[in-house]
């Protein structure tokens, strides 16, 4: 089961957030030999998804995934809308995919 981490994004501003993947004991998962990707959408059943930039930290043993969106990407998000998002990791050896983090994104409107 994926961990839940809700995020707030300022519309029209660069966004970045680090999320940590942990196991059931609360220990960081070593993400060596994994890749990652993430999407956000207006609902779980939405046909249109927006890809986050998702990168595993330069120290993969910390379990940290760095998420980011550009100013242009956040400007395109609708204000006062709650989006949903998922973060996945892919084990390189067997291509198995695991959803590790999910949550709600609240967009703070700009002037």
N, C-alpha and C. Protein backbone atom coordinates (compact mmCIF):
# COMPACT_ATOMS: atom_id res chain seq x y z
N UNK A 1 0.84 -1.18 0.00
CA UNK A 1 0.00 0.00 0.00
C UNK A 1 0.88 1.24 0.00
N UNK A 2 0.53 2.20 -0.81
CA UNK A 2 1.32 3.42 -0.95
C UNK A 2 1.14 4.33 0.27
N UNK A 3 2.20 5.05 0.61
CA UNK A 3 2.11 6.06 1.67
C UNK A 3 1.35 7.26 1.12
N UNK A 4 0.76 8.04 2.02
CA UNK A 4 0.01 9.22 1.62
C UNK A 4 0.79 10.47 2.03
N UNK A 5 0.98 11.38 1.06
CA UNK A 5 1.64 12.66 1.32
C UNK A 5 0.90 13.71 0.51
N UNK A 6 0.15 14.58 1.18
CA UNK A 6 -0.58 15.64 0.49
C UNK A 6 0.34 16.84 0.28
N UNK A 7 0.19 17.51 -0.87
CA UNK A 7 1.08 18.60 -1.26
C UNK A 7 0.28 19.86 -1.58
N UNK A 8 0.93 21.03 -1.44
CA UNK A 8 0.36 22.31 -1.86
C UNK A 8 1.30 22.90 -2.90
N UNK A 9 0.72 23.38 -4.00
CA UNK A 9 1.50 23.96 -5.09
C UNK A 9 1.01 25.37 -5.34
N UNK A 10 1.93 26.32 -5.42
CA UNK A 10 1.59 27.69 -5.77
C UNK A 10 1.52 27.81 -7.28
N UNK A 11 0.38 28.24 -7.78
CA UNK A 11 0.17 28.39 -9.22
C UNK A 11 1.15 29.44 -9.76
N UNK A 12 1.82 29.12 -10.86
CA UNK A 12 2.74 30.05 -11.51
C UNK A 12 4.11 30.15 -10.87
N UNK A 13 4.42 29.26 -9.94
CA UNK A 13 5.73 29.27 -9.28
C UNK A 13 6.40 27.92 -9.48
N UNK A 14 7.71 27.92 -9.46
CA UNK A 14 8.45 26.67 -9.52
C UNK A 14 8.13 25.85 -8.27
N UNK A 15 7.90 24.56 -8.46
CA UNK A 15 7.56 23.68 -7.35
C UNK A 15 8.61 22.59 -7.22
N UNK A 16 8.98 22.28 -5.99
CA UNK A 16 9.82 21.10 -5.74
C UNK A 16 9.51 20.57 -4.35
N UNK A 17 9.57 19.27 -4.23
CA UNK A 17 9.33 18.62 -2.95
C UNK A 17 10.05 17.28 -2.95
N UNK A 18 10.65 16.96 -1.83
CA UNK A 18 11.28 15.66 -1.66
C UNK A 18 10.32 14.77 -0.88
N UNK A 19 10.15 13.54 -1.34
CA UNK A 19 9.35 12.55 -0.63
C UNK A 19 10.24 11.35 -0.37
N UNK A 20 10.04 10.71 0.77
CA UNK A 20 10.87 9.58 1.15
C UNK A 20 10.07 8.30 1.11
N UNK A 21 10.58 7.31 0.41
CA UNK A 21 9.96 5.99 0.33
C UNK A 21 10.45 5.18 1.51
N UNK A 22 9.50 4.66 2.31
CA UNK A 22 9.85 3.87 3.48
C UNK A 22 9.16 2.51 3.41
N UNK A 23 9.73 1.54 4.12
CA UNK A 23 9.11 0.22 4.21
C UNK A 23 8.13 0.20 5.38
N UNK A 24 7.53 -0.94 5.67
CA UNK A 24 6.53 -1.04 6.73
C UNK A 24 7.11 -0.76 8.11
N UNK A 25 8.42 -0.88 8.27
CA UNK A 25 9.07 -0.57 9.55
C UNK A 25 9.46 0.89 9.67
N UNK A 26 9.17 1.69 8.63
CA UNK A 26 9.52 3.10 8.65
C UNK A 26 10.95 3.39 8.21
N UNK A 27 11.66 2.38 7.74
CA UNK A 27 13.03 2.54 7.26
C UNK A 27 13.02 2.99 5.80
N UNK A 28 13.97 3.84 5.45
CA UNK A 28 14.09 4.28 4.06
C UNK A 28 14.41 3.09 3.15
N UNK A 29 13.75 3.05 1.99
CA UNK A 29 13.99 2.01 1.00
C UNK A 29 15.18 2.43 0.15
N UNK A 30 16.14 1.53 -0.01
CA UNK A 30 17.30 1.81 -0.87
C UNK A 30 16.83 1.73 -2.32
N UNK A 31 16.90 2.86 -3.01
CA UNK A 31 16.40 2.95 -4.38
C UNK A 31 17.49 2.74 -5.44
N UNK A 32 18.61 2.17 -5.03
CA UNK A 32 19.64 1.78 -5.99
C UNK A 32 19.02 0.74 -6.93
N UNK A 33 19.27 0.85 -8.20
CA UNK A 33 18.73 -0.06 -9.22
C UNK A 33 17.23 0.11 -9.43
N UNK A 34 16.71 1.30 -9.17
CA UNK A 34 15.32 1.65 -9.46
C UNK A 34 15.30 2.92 -10.31
N UNK A 35 14.21 3.11 -11.04
CA UNK A 35 13.89 4.39 -11.64
C UNK A 35 12.56 4.82 -11.04
N UNK A 36 12.13 6.02 -11.37
CA UNK A 36 10.88 6.53 -10.80
C UNK A 36 10.14 7.39 -11.80
N UNK A 37 8.84 7.51 -11.62
CA UNK A 37 8.03 8.45 -12.39
C UNK A 37 6.81 8.83 -11.56
N UNK A 38 6.17 9.95 -11.93
CA UNK A 38 5.01 10.44 -11.19
C UNK A 38 4.06 11.17 -12.12
N UNK A 39 2.77 11.11 -11.77
CA UNK A 39 1.72 11.79 -12.54
C UNK A 39 0.77 12.49 -11.58
N UNK A 40 0.16 13.58 -12.08
CA UNK A 40 -0.97 14.19 -11.38
C UNK A 40 -2.12 14.30 -12.35
N UNK A 41 -3.34 14.33 -11.80
CA UNK A 41 -4.55 14.43 -12.63
C UNK A 41 -5.66 15.05 -11.80
N UNK A 42 -6.73 15.49 -12.47
CA UNK A 42 -7.85 16.11 -11.76
C UNK A 42 -8.68 15.10 -10.98
N UNK A 43 -8.61 13.84 -11.37
CA UNK A 43 -9.32 12.79 -10.64
C UNK A 43 -8.65 11.45 -10.95
N UNK A 44 -8.99 10.46 -10.19
CA UNK A 44 -8.40 9.14 -10.42
C UNK A 44 -8.79 8.56 -11.77
N UNK A 45 -9.95 8.94 -12.28
CA UNK A 45 -10.42 8.40 -13.56
C UNK A 45 -10.14 9.32 -14.74
N UNK A 46 -9.38 10.40 -14.52
CA UNK A 46 -9.13 11.37 -15.58
C UNK A 46 -8.35 10.73 -16.73
N UNK A 47 -8.71 11.12 -17.95
CA UNK A 47 -8.00 10.60 -19.11
C UNK A 47 -6.71 11.39 -19.39
N UNK A 48 -6.64 12.61 -18.86
CA UNK A 48 -5.45 13.44 -19.05
C UNK A 48 -4.62 13.47 -17.78
N UNK A 49 -3.33 13.17 -17.92
CA UNK A 49 -2.40 13.19 -16.79
C UNK A 49 -1.27 14.16 -17.10
N UNK A 50 -0.71 14.75 -16.06
CA UNK A 50 0.46 15.62 -16.19
C UNK A 50 1.63 14.91 -15.52
N UNK A 51 2.73 14.78 -16.22
CA UNK A 51 3.90 14.12 -15.65
C UNK A 51 4.68 15.09 -14.79
N UNK A 52 5.01 14.69 -13.58
CA UNK A 52 5.96 15.40 -12.73
C UNK A 52 7.35 15.08 -13.24
N UNK A 53 8.31 15.93 -12.94
CA UNK A 53 9.69 15.50 -13.04
C UNK A 53 9.97 14.78 -11.73
N UNK A 54 10.39 13.54 -11.81
CA UNK A 54 10.67 12.73 -10.63
C UNK A 54 12.04 12.11 -10.79
N UNK A 55 12.90 12.34 -9.80
CA UNK A 55 14.26 11.81 -9.85
C UNK A 55 14.62 11.21 -8.50
N UNK A 56 15.30 10.10 -8.55
CA UNK A 56 15.82 9.51 -7.33
C UNK A 56 17.03 10.34 -6.90
N UNK A 57 17.12 10.59 -5.61
CA UNK A 57 18.21 11.38 -5.05
C UNK A 57 19.57 10.82 -5.47
N UNK A 58 20.59 11.68 -5.46
CA UNK A 58 21.94 11.24 -5.81
C UNK A 58 22.49 10.26 -4.78
N UNK A 59 21.82 10.14 -3.64
CA UNK A 59 22.15 9.13 -2.63
C UNK A 59 20.93 8.20 -2.51
N UNK A 60 20.82 7.21 -3.40
CA UNK A 60 19.61 6.40 -3.46
C UNK A 60 19.28 5.64 -2.18
N UNK A 61 20.27 5.38 -1.35
CA UNK A 61 20.02 4.63 -0.12
C UNK A 61 19.14 5.40 0.87
N UNK A 62 18.96 6.71 0.65
CA UNK A 62 18.11 7.52 1.54
C UNK A 62 16.62 7.36 1.24
N UNK A 63 16.29 6.76 0.09
CA UNK A 63 14.90 6.56 -0.29
C UNK A 63 14.20 7.82 -0.76
N UNK A 64 14.95 8.88 -1.03
CA UNK A 64 14.35 10.17 -1.39
C UNK A 64 14.12 10.27 -2.89
N UNK A 65 12.90 10.70 -3.24
CA UNK A 65 12.55 11.01 -4.62
C UNK A 65 12.25 12.51 -4.67
N UNK A 66 12.87 13.17 -5.63
CA UNK A 66 12.70 14.61 -5.80
C UNK A 66 11.66 14.86 -6.88
N UNK A 67 10.57 15.54 -6.51
CA UNK A 67 9.50 15.88 -7.44
C UNK A 67 9.60 17.35 -7.79
N UNK A 68 9.32 17.70 -9.04
CA UNK A 68 9.34 19.12 -9.40
C UNK A 68 8.44 19.39 -10.59
N UNK A 69 7.99 20.65 -10.67
CA UNK A 69 7.23 21.18 -11.79
C UNK A 69 7.79 22.56 -12.09
N UNK A 70 7.79 22.93 -13.35
CA UNK A 70 8.27 24.25 -13.75
C UNK A 70 7.19 25.30 -13.49
N UNK A 71 7.59 26.56 -13.58
CA UNK A 71 6.64 27.67 -13.46
C UNK A 71 5.52 27.55 -14.47
N UNK A 72 5.86 27.20 -15.72
CA UNK A 72 4.84 27.05 -16.76
C UNK A 72 3.88 25.90 -16.46
N UNK A 73 4.39 24.82 -15.93
CA UNK A 73 3.53 23.68 -15.60
C UNK A 73 2.55 24.04 -14.48
N UNK A 74 3.03 24.73 -13.44
CA UNK A 74 2.12 25.09 -12.34
C UNK A 74 1.14 26.17 -12.77
N UNK A 75 1.56 27.05 -13.70
CA UNK A 75 0.64 28.07 -14.21
C UNK A 75 -0.53 27.44 -14.94
N UNK A 76 -0.32 26.28 -15.54
CA UNK A 76 -1.37 25.60 -16.29
C UNK A 76 -2.36 24.85 -15.39
N UNK A 77 -2.04 24.72 -14.11
CA UNK A 77 -2.95 24.03 -13.19
C UNK A 77 -4.11 24.96 -12.82
N UNK A 78 -5.29 24.38 -12.70
CA UNK A 78 -6.48 25.16 -12.34
C UNK A 78 -6.45 25.51 -10.86
N UNK A 79 -6.77 26.75 -10.56
CA UNK A 79 -6.77 27.19 -9.17
C UNK A 79 -7.92 26.58 -8.40
N UNK A 80 -7.73 26.42 -7.13
CA UNK A 80 -8.72 25.88 -6.20
C UNK A 80 -9.18 24.47 -6.56
N UNK A 81 -8.44 23.81 -7.39
CA UNK A 81 -8.76 22.42 -7.76
C UNK A 81 -7.86 21.51 -6.92
N UNK A 82 -8.43 20.45 -6.45
CA UNK A 82 -7.63 19.43 -5.78
C UNK A 82 -7.32 18.34 -6.79
N UNK A 83 -6.06 18.19 -7.05
CA UNK A 83 -5.57 17.15 -7.95
C UNK A 83 -5.18 15.93 -7.12
N UNK A 84 -5.05 14.80 -7.77
CA UNK A 84 -4.51 13.60 -7.15
C UNK A 84 -3.20 13.27 -7.85
N UNK A 85 -2.31 12.60 -7.14
CA UNK A 85 -1.04 12.23 -7.77
C UNK A 85 -0.56 10.88 -7.24
N UNK A 86 0.29 10.25 -8.02
CA UNK A 86 0.91 8.98 -7.68
C UNK A 86 2.38 9.04 -8.03
N UNK A 87 3.21 8.39 -7.21
CA UNK A 87 4.64 8.23 -7.49
C UNK A 87 4.92 6.73 -7.55
N UNK A 88 5.63 6.32 -8.59
CA UNK A 88 5.95 4.91 -8.81
C UNK A 88 7.45 4.70 -8.83
N UNK A 89 7.87 3.50 -8.42
CA UNK A 89 9.25 3.09 -8.63
C UNK A 89 9.25 1.84 -9.49
N UNK A 90 10.30 1.71 -10.30
CA UNK A 90 10.43 0.56 -11.21
C UNK A 90 11.75 -0.13 -10.89
N UNK A 91 11.68 -1.40 -10.54
CA UNK A 91 12.88 -2.20 -10.26
C UNK A 91 13.50 -2.56 -11.60
N UNK A 92 14.75 -2.16 -11.81
CA UNK A 92 15.38 -2.36 -13.12
C UNK A 92 15.60 -3.83 -13.47
N UNK A 93 15.84 -4.67 -12.50
CA UNK A 93 16.15 -6.07 -12.78
C UNK A 93 14.98 -6.82 -13.42
N UNK A 94 13.76 -6.54 -12.94
CA UNK A 94 12.61 -7.29 -13.46
C UNK A 94 11.47 -6.41 -13.98
N UNK A 95 11.69 -5.11 -14.01
CA UNK A 95 10.70 -4.13 -14.50
C UNK A 95 9.41 -4.09 -13.68
N UNK A 96 9.45 -4.62 -12.45
CA UNK A 96 8.25 -4.56 -11.61
C UNK A 96 8.01 -3.12 -11.16
N UNK A 97 6.73 -2.73 -11.17
CA UNK A 97 6.32 -1.37 -10.84
C UNK A 97 5.56 -1.38 -9.53
N UNK A 98 5.90 -0.43 -8.64
CA UNK A 98 5.23 -0.30 -7.36
C UNK A 98 4.82 1.15 -7.15
N UNK A 99 3.55 1.38 -6.82
CA UNK A 99 3.11 2.72 -6.43
C UNK A 99 3.51 2.91 -4.97
N UNK A 100 4.35 3.90 -4.70
CA UNK A 100 4.89 4.06 -3.36
C UNK A 100 4.33 5.26 -2.61
N UNK A 101 3.88 6.27 -3.33
CA UNK A 101 3.32 7.46 -2.68
C UNK A 101 2.13 7.94 -3.49
N UNK A 102 1.10 8.38 -2.79
CA UNK A 102 -0.08 8.94 -3.43
C UNK A 102 -0.56 10.09 -2.55
N UNK A 103 -1.38 10.94 -3.13
CA UNK A 103 -1.91 12.02 -2.32
C UNK A 103 -2.73 13.00 -3.10
N UNK A 104 -3.11 14.05 -2.40
CA UNK A 104 -3.90 15.14 -2.97
C UNK A 104 -3.00 16.37 -3.08
N UNK A 105 -3.14 17.07 -4.20
CA UNK A 105 -2.43 18.34 -4.40
C UNK A 105 -3.46 19.46 -4.41
N UNK A 106 -3.23 20.45 -3.57
CA UNK A 106 -4.06 21.64 -3.56
C UNK A 106 -3.29 22.75 -4.25
N UNK A 107 -3.93 23.43 -5.20
CA UNK A 107 -3.30 24.51 -5.94
C UNK A 107 -3.71 25.84 -5.33
N UNK A 108 -2.71 26.61 -4.89
CA UNK A 108 -2.96 27.96 -4.38
C UNK A 108 -2.93 28.92 -5.56
N UNK A 109 -3.99 29.72 -5.78
CA UNK A 109 -4.05 30.58 -6.95
C UNK A 109 -3.06 31.74 -6.87
N UNK A 110 -2.70 32.23 -8.05
CA UNK A 110 -1.85 33.43 -8.11
C UNK A 110 -2.72 34.63 -8.42
N UNK A 111 -2.12 35.79 -8.30
CA UNK A 111 -2.86 37.05 -8.57
C UNK A 111 -3.10 37.19 -10.05
